[in-house]
Amino acid sequence: MINDFAEVIEARCNLDCHCVSITVAMANLMPSSVLYVWDIESDQIHEMDFGESDDIADDDSKLAAHHDSKIFIKENDQIAQASVVLVSLFVTSDHGIVIQDVKPIADENCRLLGVHSPHIVILNSEKSVDKSSKIVQLLMRDFEELGECDCYQKSSNGL
């Protein structure tokens, strides 16, 4: 099923345990550019090759499960002008893996900590001197317009 397979680097399930994302190493022990997602309910394996995408190239990656059962955030190193790019993915039985957003990050040494809607939480490195905090919460694209809302509006929207 998985060509040139050597070992599983990382496997993570989403909050409701209906999907498992799998990152693998090839026979030469280099990470594969393909992300596999096993939809347990439909018993389907979806795959997305980040090496073949025009917008996204994969060198080394990490994945964080979101508390929404259909969202994963993938951290990719080495993309075009940015050193790190966060890719938001939706996974459904009907449509497989769908890219929701691509967010370039300036700090090449930052690390993905996790996702808590509507934020993607990253840890900036010592080299980012212009940041007041090492931990930064980035708004997901679909919530950017709500960034200016007061606490009552956010709570009515379930944030």
C-alpha atoms as a PDB file:
ATOM      1  CA  MET A   1       0.000   0.000   0.000  1.00  0.00           C
ATOM      2  CA  ILE A   2       2.741   2.532   0.939  1.00  0.00           C
ATOM      3  CA  ASN A   3       5.551   2.481  -1.617  1.00  0.00           C
ATOM      4  CA  ASP A   4       9.168   2.537  -0.409  1.00  0.00           C
ATOM      5  CA  PHE A   5       8.008   2.191   3.241  1.00  0.00           C
ATOM      6  CA  ALA A   6      10.573   1.832   6.041  1.00  0.00           C
ATOM      7  CA  GLU A   7       8.904   2.970   9.281  1.00  0.00           C
ATOM      8  CA  VAL A   8       6.229   5.135  10.862  1.00  0.00           C
ATOM      9  CA  ILE A   9       7.691   8.415  12.091  1.00  0.00           C
ATOM     10  CA  GLU A  10       4.544   9.715  13.732  1.00  0.00           C
ATOM     11  CA  ALA A  11       0.899   8.706  14.070  1.00  0.00           C
ATOM     12  CA  ARG A  12      -1.698  10.957  15.674  1.00  0.00           C
ATOM     13  CA  CYS A  13      -5.431  10.707  16.014  1.00  0.00           C
ATOM     14  CA  ASN A  14      -7.929  13.542  16.130  1.00  0.00           C
ATOM     15  CA  LEU A  15     -10.036  14.339  19.168  1.00  0.00           C
ATOM     16  CA  ASP A  16     -12.863  11.915  18.455  1.00  0.00           C
ATOM     17  CA  CYS A  17     -10.443   9.204  17.249  1.00  0.00           C
ATOM     18  CA  HIS A  18     -12.078   8.853  13.834  1.00  0.00           C
ATOM     19  CA  CYS A  19      -8.994   9.854  11.841  1.00  0.00           C
ATOM     20  CA  VAL A  20      -5.327   8.943  12.245  1.00  0.00           C
ATOM     21  CA  SER A  21      -2.638  10.962  10.478  1.00  0.00           C
ATOM     22  CA  ILE A  22       0.506   9.034   9.621  1.00  0.00           C
ATOM     23  CA  THR A  23       3.921  10.351   8.623  1.00  0.00           C
ATOM     24  CA  VAL A  24       6.336   7.696   7.339  1.00  0.00           C
ATOM     25  CA  ALA A  25       9.991   7.319   6.413  1.00  0.00           C
ATOM     26  CA  MET A  26      11.035   5.871   3.083  1.00  0.00           C
ATOM     27  CA  ALA A  27      13.520   3.002   2.696  1.00  0.00           C
ATOM     28  CA  ASN A  28      16.407   5.521   2.819  1.00  0.00           C
ATOM     29  CA  LEU A  29      14.991   6.684   6.223  1.00  0.00           C
ATOM     30  CA  MET A  30      14.182  10.155   4.874  1.00  0.00           C
ATOM     31  CA  PRO A  31      10.685  11.472   5.650  1.00  0.00           C
ATOM     32  CA  SER A  32       8.182  10.900   2.882  1.00  0.00           C
ATOM     33  CA  SER A  33       6.474  13.966   1.421  1.00  0.00           C
ATOM     34  CA  VAL A  34       3.169  12.089   1.563  1.00  0.00           C
ATOM     35  CA  LEU A  35       0.781  12.569   4.459  1.00  0.00           C
ATOM     36  CA  TYR A  36      -1.539   9.610   5.040  1.00  0.00           C
ATOM     37  CA  VAL A  37      -4.831   9.959   6.908  1.00  0.00           C
ATOM     38  CA  TRP A  38      -6.771   6.850   7.839  1.00  0.00           C
ATOM     39  CA  ASP A  39     -10.494   7.531   8.184  1.00  0.00           C
ATOM     40  CA  ILE A  40     -11.429   4.777  10.628  1.00  0.00           C
ATOM     41  CA  GLU A  41     -15.204   5.127  10.160  1.00  0.00           C
ATOM     42  CA  SER A  42     -15.096   4.597   6.391  1.00  0.00           C
ATOM     43  CA  ASP A  43     -11.924   2.467   6.534  1.00  0.00           C
ATOM     44  CA  GLN A  44     -10.324   4.626   3.824  1.00  0.00           C
ATOM     45  CA  ILE A  45      -6.771   5.909   3.639  1.00  0.00           C
ATOM     46  CA  HIS A  46      -6.463   9.374   2.139  1.00  0.00           C
ATOM     47  CA  GLU A  47      -3.110  10.725   1.042  1.00  0.00           C
ATOM     48  CA  MET A  48      -1.685  14.074   0.046  1.00  0.00           C
ATOM     49  CA  ASP A  49       1.754  14.432  -1.495  1.00  0.00           C
ATOM     50  CA  PHE A  50       3.171  17.765  -0.396  1.00  0.00           C
ATOM     51  CA  GLY A  51       6.160  17.210  -2.690  1.00  0.00           C
ATOM     52  CA  GLU A  52       3.924  17.408  -5.772  1.00  0.00           C
ATOM     53  CA  SER A  53       2.021  20.526  -4.723  1.00  0.00           C
ATOM     54  CA  ASP A  54       2.911  23.857  -6.349  1.00  0.00           C
ATOM     55  CA  ASP A  55       2.367  25.732  -3.083  1.00  0.00           C
ATOM     56  CA  ILE A  56       3.722  23.284  -0.535  1.00  0.00           C
ATOM     57  CA  ALA A  57       6.989  21.346  -0.366  1.00  0.00           C
ATOM     58  CA  ASP A  58       7.753  18.990   2.501  1.00  0.00           C
ATOM     59  CA  ASP A  59      11.155  18.463   4.052  1.00  0.00           C
ATOM     60  CA  ASP A  60      10.340  17.615   7.657  1.00  0.00           C
ATOM     61  CA  SER A  61       6.903  17.937   9.159  1.00  0.00           C
ATOM     62  CA  LYS A  62       4.883  17.808  12.331  1.00  0.00           C
ATOM     63  CA  LEU A  63       1.146  17.490  12.705  1.00  0.00           C
ATOM     64  CA  ALA A  64      -1.188  18.716  15.437  1.00  0.00           C
ATOM     65  CA  ALA A  65      -4.693  17.437  15.893  1.00  0.00           C
ATOM     66  CA  HIS A  66      -7.350  20.067  16.366  1.00  0.00           C
ATOM     67  CA  HIS A  67     -10.257  19.716  18.761  1.00  0.00           C
ATOM     68  CA  ASP A  68     -12.553  19.798  15.710  1.00  0.00           C
ATOM     69  CA  SER A  69     -12.579  16.242  14.422  1.00  0.00           C
ATOM     70  CA  LYS A  70     -11.961  17.259  10.798  1.00  0.00           C
ATOM     71  CA  ILE A  71      -9.018  19.694  11.152  1.00  0.00           C
ATOM     72  CA  PHE A  72      -5.312  18.955  11.238  1.00  0.00           C
ATOM     73  CA  ILE A  73      -2.512  21.529  11.164  1.00  0.00           C
ATOM     74  CA  LYS A  74       0.680  20.470   9.411  1.00  0.00           C
ATOM     75  CA  GLU A  75       3.986  22.256   9.927  1.00  0.00           C
ATOM     76  CA  ASN A  76       6.242  22.108   6.858  1.00  0.00           C
ATOM     77  CA  ASP A  77       9.815  23.311   6.660  1.00  0.00           C
ATOM     78  CA  GLN A  78      11.411  24.850   3.561  1.00  0.00           C
ATOM     79  CA  ILE A  79       8.744  26.423   1.357  1.00  0.00           C
ATOM     80  CA  ALA A  80       9.450  29.049  -1.298  1.00  0.00           C
ATOM     81  CA  GLN A  81      10.313  32.310   0.506  1.00  0.00           C
ATOM     82  CA  ALA A  82       9.310  31.189   4.000  1.00  0.00           C
ATOM     83  CA  SER A  83      11.282  28.705   6.054  1.00  0.00           C
ATOM     84  CA  VAL A  84       8.231  27.344   7.860  1.00  0.00           C
ATOM     85  CA  VAL A  85       4.659  27.130   6.621  1.00  0.00           C
ATOM     86  CA  LEU A  86       1.621  25.996   8.585  1.00  0.00           C
ATOM     87  CA  VAL A  87      -0.962  24.174   6.488  1.00  0.00           C
ATOM     88  CA  SER A  88      -4.535  23.756   7.758  1.00  0.00           C
ATOM     89  CA  LEU A  89      -6.212  20.611   6.444  1.00  0.00           C
ATOM     90  CA  PHE A  90      -9.742  19.290   6.580  1.00  0.00           C
ATOM     91  CA  VAL A  91     -10.322  15.566   6.258  1.00  0.00           C
ATOM     92  CA  THR A  92     -13.721  14.166   5.285  1.00  0.00           C
ATOM     93  CA  SER A  93     -14.894  10.796   4.024  1.00  0.00           C
ATOM     94  CA  ASP A  94     -16.471  12.417   0.960  1.00  0.00           C
ATOM     95  CA  HIS A  95     -13.651  14.736  -0.118  1.00  0.00           C
ATOM     96  CA  GLY A  96     -10.528  13.257   1.474  1.00  0.00           C
ATOM     97  CA  ILE A  97      -7.825  15.767   2.421  1.00  0.00           C
ATOM     98  CA  VAL A  98      -8.590  19.379   1.552  1.00  0.00           C
ATOM     99  CA  ILE A  99      -6.168  22.272   2.174  1.00  0.00           C
ATOM    100  CA  GLN A 100      -7.980  25.033   4.051  1.00  0.00           C
ATOM    101  CA  ASP A 101      -5.153  27.548   4.561  1.00  0.00           C
ATOM    102  CA  VAL A 102      -1.410  28.004   4.038  1.00  0.00           C
ATOM    103  CA  LYS A 103       0.282  30.373   6.500  1.00  0.00           C
ATOM    104  CA  PRO A 104       4.005  31.236   6.054  1.00  0.00           C
ATOM    105  CA  ILE A 105       5.933  31.872   9.282  1.00  0.00           C
ATOM    106  CA  ALA A 106       8.966  34.175   9.323  1.00  0.00           C
ATOM    107  CA  ASP A 107      10.813  32.517  12.223  1.00  0.00           C
ATOM    108  CA  GLU A 108      12.537  29.418  10.801  1.00  0.00           C
ATOM    109  CA  ASN A 109      13.179  28.039  14.287  1.00  0.00           C
ATOM    110  CA  CYS A 110       9.585  28.259  15.549  1.00  0.00           C
ATOM    111  CA  ARG A 111       7.714  25.127  16.563  1.00  0.00           C
ATOM    112  CA  LEU A 112       4.071  24.198  16.405  1.00  0.00           C
ATOM    113  CA  LEU A 113       2.711  23.720  19.933  1.00  0.00           C
ATOM    114  CA  GLY A 114      -0.893  22.968  19.140  1.00  0.00           C
ATOM    115  CA  VAL A 115      -4.259  24.199  17.984  1.00  0.00           C
ATOM    116  CA  HIS A 116      -7.071  25.652  20.035  1.00  0.00           C
ATOM    117  CA  SER A 117      -9.752  27.152  17.831  1.00  0.00           C
ATOM    118  CA  PRO A 118      -9.602  29.845  16.623  1.00  0.00           C
ATOM    119  CA  HIS A 119      -5.837  29.907  17.243  1.00  0.00           C
ATOM    120  CA  ILE A 120      -2.767  28.068  16.028  1.00  0.00           C
ATOM    121  CA  VAL A 121      -0.233  28.219  18.865  1.00  0.00           C
ATOM    122  CA  ILE A 122       3.468  28.413  18.023  1.00  0.00           C
ATOM    123  CA  LEU A 123       6.671  28.795  20.025  1.00  0.00           C
ATOM    124  CA  ASN A 124       9.072  31.385  18.607  1.00  0.00           C
ATOM    125  CA  SER A 125      12.798  30.901  18.941  1.00  0.00           C
ATOM    126  CA  GLU A 126      15.339  33.023  20.787  1.00  0.00           C
ATOM    127  CA  LYS A 127      16.186  34.634  17.428  1.00  0.00           C
ATOM    128  CA  SER A 128      12.840  36.437  17.186  1.00  0.00           C
ATOM    129  CA  VAL A 129      13.763  39.534  19.121  1.00  0.00           C
ATOM    130  CA  ASP A 130      10.834  41.634  17.918  1.00  0.00           C
ATOM    131  CA  LYS A 131       8.265  39.446  19.709  1.00  0.00           C
ATOM    132  CA  SER A 132       7.287  40.240  23.291  1.00  0.00           C
ATOM    133  CA  SER A 133       6.351  36.625  24.026  1.00  0.00           C
ATOM    134  CA  LYS A 134       7.829  33.377  22.847  1.00  0.00           C
ATOM    135  CA  ILE A 135       4.347  31.847  22.611  1.00  0.00           C
ATOM    136  CA  VAL A 136       2.261  33.324  19.806  1.00  0.00           C
ATOM    137  CA  GLN A 137      -1.377  32.642  18.953  1.00  0.00           C
ATOM    138  CA  LEU A 138      -2.112  33.019  15.244  1.00  0.00           C
ATOM    139  CA  LEU A 139      -5.733  33.358  14.165  1.00  0.00           C
ATOM    140  CA  MET A 140      -6.975  30.813  11.646  1.00  0.00           C
ATOM    141  CA  ARG A 141      -7.933  32.423   8.347  1.00  0.00           C
ATOM    142  CA  ASP A 142     -11.677  31.928   8.787  1.00  0.00           C
ATOM    143  CA  PHE A 143     -11.588  33.758  12.140  1.00  0.00           C
ATOM    144  CA  GLU A 144      -9.381  36.740  11.207  1.00  0.00           C
ATOM    145  CA  GLU A 145     -12.350  39.120  10.868  1.00  0.00           C
ATOM    146  CA  LEU A 146     -13.531  38.149  14.345  1.00  0.00           C
ATOM    147  CA  GLY A 147     -10.204  39.191  15.889  1.00  0.00           C
ATOM    148  CA  GLU A 148     -11.607  42.627  16.724  1.00  0.00           C
ATOM    149  CA  CYS A 149     -14.839  41.352  18.324  1.00  0.00           C
ATOM    150  CA  ASP A 150     -15.522  41.868  22.003  1.00  0.00           C
ATOM    151  CA  CYS A 151     -15.809  38.942  24.427  1.00  0.00           C
ATOM    152  CA  TYR A 152     -19.644  38.836  24.161  1.00  0.00           C
ATOM    153  CA  GLN A 153     -19.561  38.474  20.364  1.00  0.00           C
ATOM    154  CA  LYS A 154     -16.874  35.802  20.558  1.00  0.00           C
ATOM    155  CA  SER A 155     -18.780  33.778  23.165  1.00  0.00           C
ATOM    156  CA  SER A 156     -21.951  33.928  21.036  1.00  0.00           C
ATOM    157  CA  ASN A 157     -19.935  32.477  18.142  1.00  0.00           C
ATOM    158  CA  GLY A 158     -18.662  29.621  20.291  1.00  0.00           C
ATOM    159  CA  LEU A 159     -15.106  30.937  20.540  1.00  0.00           C
END
